[in-house]
Amino acid sequence: MTQGNDTLRYRILYPQNYLPQKKYPLIIFLHGSGESGIDNENQLVHGGDLFLKKDVREKFPALILFPQCPPDSSWSYYETEIDTATHNEKLNFPYNDQPAYPERMLKRLIDSLIETGIADKERIYLGGLSLGGFGTYDLLIRYPKYFAAAFPIAGACNLSLMVKKGRHIPIWIFHGTRDDVVDPSFDRTLYMKLKKKNKELRYTEYPDANHNSWDSAFAEPELLPWLFAHHR
């Protein structure tokens, strides 16, 4: 997908026995920083195998969208700085009215799939890991009535905006206790602030996981049944 000088590469998996006249649920999965690029392949490294499983394809027919973020950009805006007290790197999430261009183009792509009639606008699901977790939260903040459910993994966000915007969105948060890349305190704090306002909020933390909590999340037997149980 190209607009001006900007390009968003993506892969899309169609359901088995795909019928073009039928509307299908759409799952969008946002990769982490290590999978950014221009090869339109690396974004499939994490999560791609899950949706190719025979039983998954049979039980959960859906369109699966794997966009690839260019290496010179990000799904959403964030900043890093050194905490003067601890000397550790600190993440900040400033809000900009204009989304980062990969996110802006992704939203346009999703809209086009809905407009062509192949994606069911009532069943748009969103997930992502690490950098893609940042993007997942940012999209939920910007379009809180757009997605039926979401599953951010090892992510972080602008807490005040997410608490304000995320009270009605079914969200299942995943993180690793030992994560030394994205501090789990972000997700813990979000969960504590949001759980009284959002009855569809779930939080799973893996005690032995470092940054890679996505393998455990993908192995959750209830993840896809939970996801597909929700309609906007």
Protein backbone atom coordinates (compact mmCIF):
# COMPACT_ATOMS: atom_id res chain seq x y z
CA MET A 1 0.00 0.00 0.00
CA THR A 2 1.50 3.32 -1.08
CA GLN A 3 0.53 6.93 -0.45
CA GLY A 4 2.86 9.64 -1.75
CA ASN A 5 6.35 8.71 -0.56
CA ASP A 6 5.06 6.39 2.17
CA THR A 7 4.71 2.62 1.79
CA LEU A 8 3.13 0.06 4.11
CA ARG A 9 3.94 -3.53 3.24
CA TYR A 10 1.67 -6.26 4.52
CA ARG A 11 0.71 -9.90 4.23
CA ILE A 12 -2.86 -11.10 4.50
CA LEU A 13 -4.01 -14.67 5.10
CA TYR A 14 -7.45 -15.52 3.78
CA PRO A 15 -9.65 -18.18 5.41
CA GLN A 16 -9.84 -21.69 4.08
CA ASN A 17 -12.58 -22.02 1.48
CA TYR A 18 -12.71 -18.24 1.24
CA LEU A 19 -15.97 -16.82 -0.12
CA PRO A 20 -15.56 -13.28 -1.50
CA GLN A 21 -19.23 -12.44 -0.89
CA LYS A 22 -18.94 -13.24 2.82
CA LYS A 23 -17.75 -10.96 5.62
CA TYR A 24 -15.07 -12.36 7.92
CA PRO A 25 -13.55 -11.32 11.25
CA LEU A 26 -10.27 -9.44 10.81
CA ILE A 27 -7.26 -9.90 13.11
CA ILE A 28 -4.45 -7.34 12.85
CA PHE A 29 -1.14 -8.24 14.44
CA LEU A 30 1.61 -5.65 14.94
CA HIS A 31 5.18 -6.93 15.18
CA GLY A 32 8.01 -5.68 17.40
CA SER A 33 11.00 -3.51 16.47
CA GLY A 34 13.14 -6.50 15.53
CA GLU A 35 10.80 -7.37 12.67
CA SER A 36 10.66 -3.90 11.09
CA GLY A 37 11.93 -3.76 7.54
CA ILE A 38 11.08 -3.72 3.86
CA ASP A 39 11.21 -7.45 3.05
CA ASN A 40 7.48 -8.01 3.74
CA GLU A 41 8.39 -11.26 5.45
CA ASN A 42 10.05 -10.63 8.79
CA GLN A 43 6.77 -9.53 10.39
CA LEU A 44 5.61 -13.16 10.23
CA VAL A 45 8.35 -14.43 12.57
CA HIS A 46 6.21 -14.18 15.71
CA GLY A 47 2.59 -15.24 15.47
CA GLY A 48 2.56 -16.34 11.87
CA ASP A 49 2.69 -20.04 12.75
CA LEU A 50 -0.26 -19.75 15.14
CA PHE A 51 -2.69 -18.71 12.42
CA LEU A 52 -1.46 -21.38 10.02
CA LYS A 53 -2.34 -24.22 12.37
CA LYS A 54 -4.92 -26.55 10.87
CA ASP A 55 -7.24 -26.50 13.88
CA VAL A 56 -7.03 -22.71 14.18
CA ARG A 57 -7.94 -22.25 10.52
CA GLU A 58 -10.86 -24.64 10.89
CA LYS A 59 -12.26 -23.28 14.15
CA PHE A 60 -11.58 -19.57 13.61
CA PRO A 61 -12.01 -18.60 9.95
CA ALA A 62 -10.78 -15.04 9.62
CA LEU A 63 -8.69 -12.59 7.66
CA ILE A 64 -5.26 -12.27 9.31
CA LEU A 65 -3.36 -9.07 8.57
CA PHE A 66 0.38 -8.77 9.26
CA PRO A 67 1.60 -5.27 8.31
CA GLN A 68 5.31 -4.44 8.38
CA CYS A 69 6.54 -1.18 9.88
CA PRO A 70 9.39 0.48 7.92
CA PRO A 71 12.74 0.52 9.75
CA ASP A 72 12.85 4.33 9.87
CA SER A 73 9.54 4.68 11.73
CA SER A 74 7.36 3.22 14.46
CA TRP A 75 3.74 2.19 14.94
CA SER A 76 3.27 5.05 17.39
CA TYR A 77 5.14 7.91 19.04
CA TYR A 78 7.33 7.26 22.07
CA GLU A 79 10.48 8.72 23.60
CA THR A 80 13.26 7.31 25.74
CA GLU A 81 15.25 9.23 28.35
CA ILE A 82 17.57 8.39 31.21
CA ASP A 83 16.02 8.57 34.67
CA THR A 84 18.39 10.76 36.67
CA ALA A 85 17.56 8.95 39.93
CA THR A 86 18.00 5.36 38.77
CA HIS A 87 20.08 5.92 35.60
CA ASN A 88 17.73 3.51 33.86
CA GLU A 89 16.12 4.14 30.50
CA LYS A 90 12.63 5.54 30.83
CA LEU A 91 9.78 5.42 28.28
CA ASN A 92 7.44 8.32 27.61
CA PHE A 93 4.42 8.37 25.31
CA PRO A 94 3.63 11.88 24.08
CA TYR A 95 0.36 12.21 22.19
CA ASN A 96 0.30 13.75 18.74
CA ASP A 97 -3.00 14.46 16.98
CA GLN A 98 -1.48 13.14 13.75
CA PRO A 99 -0.71 9.39 13.98
CA ALA A 100 2.70 8.10 12.87
CA TYR A 101 2.47 7.37 9.15
CA PRO A 102 2.59 3.52 9.41
CA GLU A 103 -0.33 3.66 11.83
CA ARG A 104 -2.19 6.13 9.64
CA MET A 105 -1.75 3.92 6.57
CA LEU A 106 -2.73 0.82 8.54
CA LYS A 107 -6.01 2.45 9.58
CA ARG A 108 -6.68 3.31 5.94
CA LEU A 109 -5.95 -0.28 4.93
CA ILE A 110 -8.34 -1.67 7.55
CA ASP A 111 -11.01 0.78 6.44
CA SER A 112 -10.59 -0.39 2.84
CA LEU A 113 -11.07 -4.04 3.85
CA ILE A 114 -14.31 -3.06 5.58
CA GLU A 115 -15.48 -0.93 2.66
CA THR A 116 -14.92 -3.74 0.16
CA GLY A 117 -17.21 -5.92 2.28
CA ILE A 118 -14.79 -8.74 3.12
CA ALA A 119 -14.03 -7.63 6.70
CA ASP A 120 -16.81 -7.52 9.29
CA LYS A 121 -16.68 -4.10 10.96
CA GLU A 122 -18.23 -5.58 14.09
CA ARG A 123 -15.37 -8.09 14.51
CA ILE A 124 -12.09 -6.22 14.09
CA TYR A 125 -9.48 -7.60 16.52
CA LEU A 126 -6.08 -6.07 17.31
CA GLY A 127 -2.91 -7.37 18.92
CA GLY A 128 0.80 -6.71 18.98
CA LEU A 129 4.03 -7.38 20.82
CA SER A 130 6.57 -4.95 22.27
CA LEU A 131 6.69 -2.07 19.76
CA GLY A 132 3.49 -3.55 18.36
CA GLY A 133 2.05 -3.47 21.87
CA PHE A 134 2.76 0.27 21.91
CA GLY A 135 0.93 0.55 18.60
CA THR A 136 -1.97 -1.55 19.83
CA TYR A 137 -2.55 0.76 22.77
CA ASP A 138 -2.16 3.86 20.61
CA LEU A 139 -4.77 2.64 18.14
CA LEU A 140 -7.15 1.86 21.01
CA ILE A 141 -6.64 5.38 22.36
CA ARG A 142 -7.27 6.95 18.95
CA TYR A 143 -10.18 4.71 17.90
CA PRO A 144 -11.78 3.33 21.09
CA LYS A 145 -15.04 2.36 19.36
CA TYR A 146 -13.42 0.71 16.35
CA PHE A 147 -12.06 -2.60 17.68
CA ALA A 148 -14.06 -5.49 19.14
CA ALA A 149 -11.19 -6.71 21.37
CA ALA A 150 -7.42 -6.37 21.74
CA PHE A 151 -4.44 -8.27 23.14
CA PRO A 152 -1.28 -6.18 23.76
CA ILE A 153 1.82 -8.21 24.67
CA ALA A 154 4.87 -6.74 26.47
CA GLY A 155 3.64 -3.26 25.66
CA ALA A 156 3.30 0.13 27.31
CA CYS A 157 1.33 3.30 26.68
CA ASN A 158 0.22 6.73 27.74
CA LEU A 159 -1.47 5.58 30.94
CA SER A 160 -3.77 8.54 31.51
CA LEU A 161 -5.14 8.43 27.96
CA MET A 162 -5.54 4.65 27.99
CA VAL A 163 -7.43 4.74 31.29
CA LYS A 164 -9.68 7.44 29.86
CA LYS A 165 -10.31 5.76 26.49
CA GLY A 166 -10.09 2.05 27.32
CA ARG A 167 -12.91 1.55 29.76
CA HIS A 168 -15.27 -0.12 27.27
CA ILE A 169 -12.83 -2.17 25.17
CA PRO A 170 -12.32 -5.89 25.92
CA ILE A 171 -8.55 -6.15 26.50
CA TRP A 172 -6.35 -9.07 27.50
CA ILE A 173 -2.91 -7.82 28.58
CA PHE A 174 0.16 -10.08 28.63
CA HIS A 175 3.58 -9.37 30.14
CA GLY A 176 6.63 -11.12 31.57
CA THR A 177 7.63 -10.50 35.19
CA ARG A 178 11.33 -10.45 34.29
CA ASP A 179 10.96 -8.15 31.28
CA ASP A 180 14.05 -5.93 31.18
CA VAL A 181 13.16 -4.24 27.89
CA VAL A 182 9.65 -2.93 28.61
CA ASP A 183 9.05 -2.60 32.34
CA PRO A 184 5.98 -4.65 33.37
CA SER A 185 5.04 -1.86 35.78
CA PHE A 186 3.39 -0.07 32.84
CA ASP A 187 0.90 -2.88 32.32
CA ARG A 188 0.50 -3.58 36.02
CA THR A 189 -0.39 0.06 36.66
CA LEU A 190 -2.75 0.17 33.71
CA TYR A 191 -4.51 -2.96 34.93
CA MET A 192 -4.91 -1.59 38.46
CA LYS A 193 -6.27 1.74 37.22
CA LEU A 194 -8.57 0.26 34.61
CA LYS A 195 -9.93 -2.92 36.19
CA LYS A 196 -12.72 -1.21 38.16
CA LYS A 197 -13.90 0.63 35.04
CA ASN A 198 -13.55 -2.16 32.48
CA LYS A 199 -15.39 -5.41 33.21
CA GLU A 200 -13.88 -7.00 30.08
CA LEU A 201 -10.26 -6.52 31.18
CA ARG A 202 -7.88 -9.46 31.74
CA TYR A 203 -4.24 -9.47 32.78
CA THR A 204 -1.77 -12.37 32.60
CA GLU A 205 1.81 -12.06 33.82
CA TYR A 206 4.28 -14.89 33.32
CA PRO A 207 6.68 -15.15 36.32
CA ASP A 208 9.51 -16.80 34.38
CA ALA A 209 9.26 -14.76 31.18
CA ASN A 210 11.59 -11.94 30.22
CA HIS A 211 10.66 -9.75 27.25
CA ASN A 212 9.44 -12.73 25.25
CA SER A 213 6.04 -13.24 26.80
CA TRP A 214 4.45 -13.68 23.37
CA ASP A 215 5.27 -17.38 23.03
CA SER A 216 3.34 -18.01 26.24
CA ALA A 217 0.51 -15.72 25.13
CA PHE A 218 0.20 -17.50 21.77
CA ALA A 219 0.03 -20.82 23.64
CA GLU A 220 -2.94 -19.70 25.77
CA PRO A 221 -5.78 -22.07 24.81
CA GLU A 222 -8.40 -19.43 25.63
CA LEU A 223 -6.88 -16.57 23.64
CA LEU A 224 -8.66 -17.10 20.34
CA PRO A 225 -11.98 -18.28 21.87
CA TRP A 226 -11.92 -15.18 24.08
CA LEU A 227 -11.11 -12.94 21.14
CA PHE A 228 -13.79 -14.32 18.85
CA ALA A 229 -16.43 -14.17 21.57
CA HIS A 230 -16.49 -10.39 21.27
CA HIS A 231 -18.42 -8.25 18.82
CA ARG A 232 -18.37 -4.50 18.68
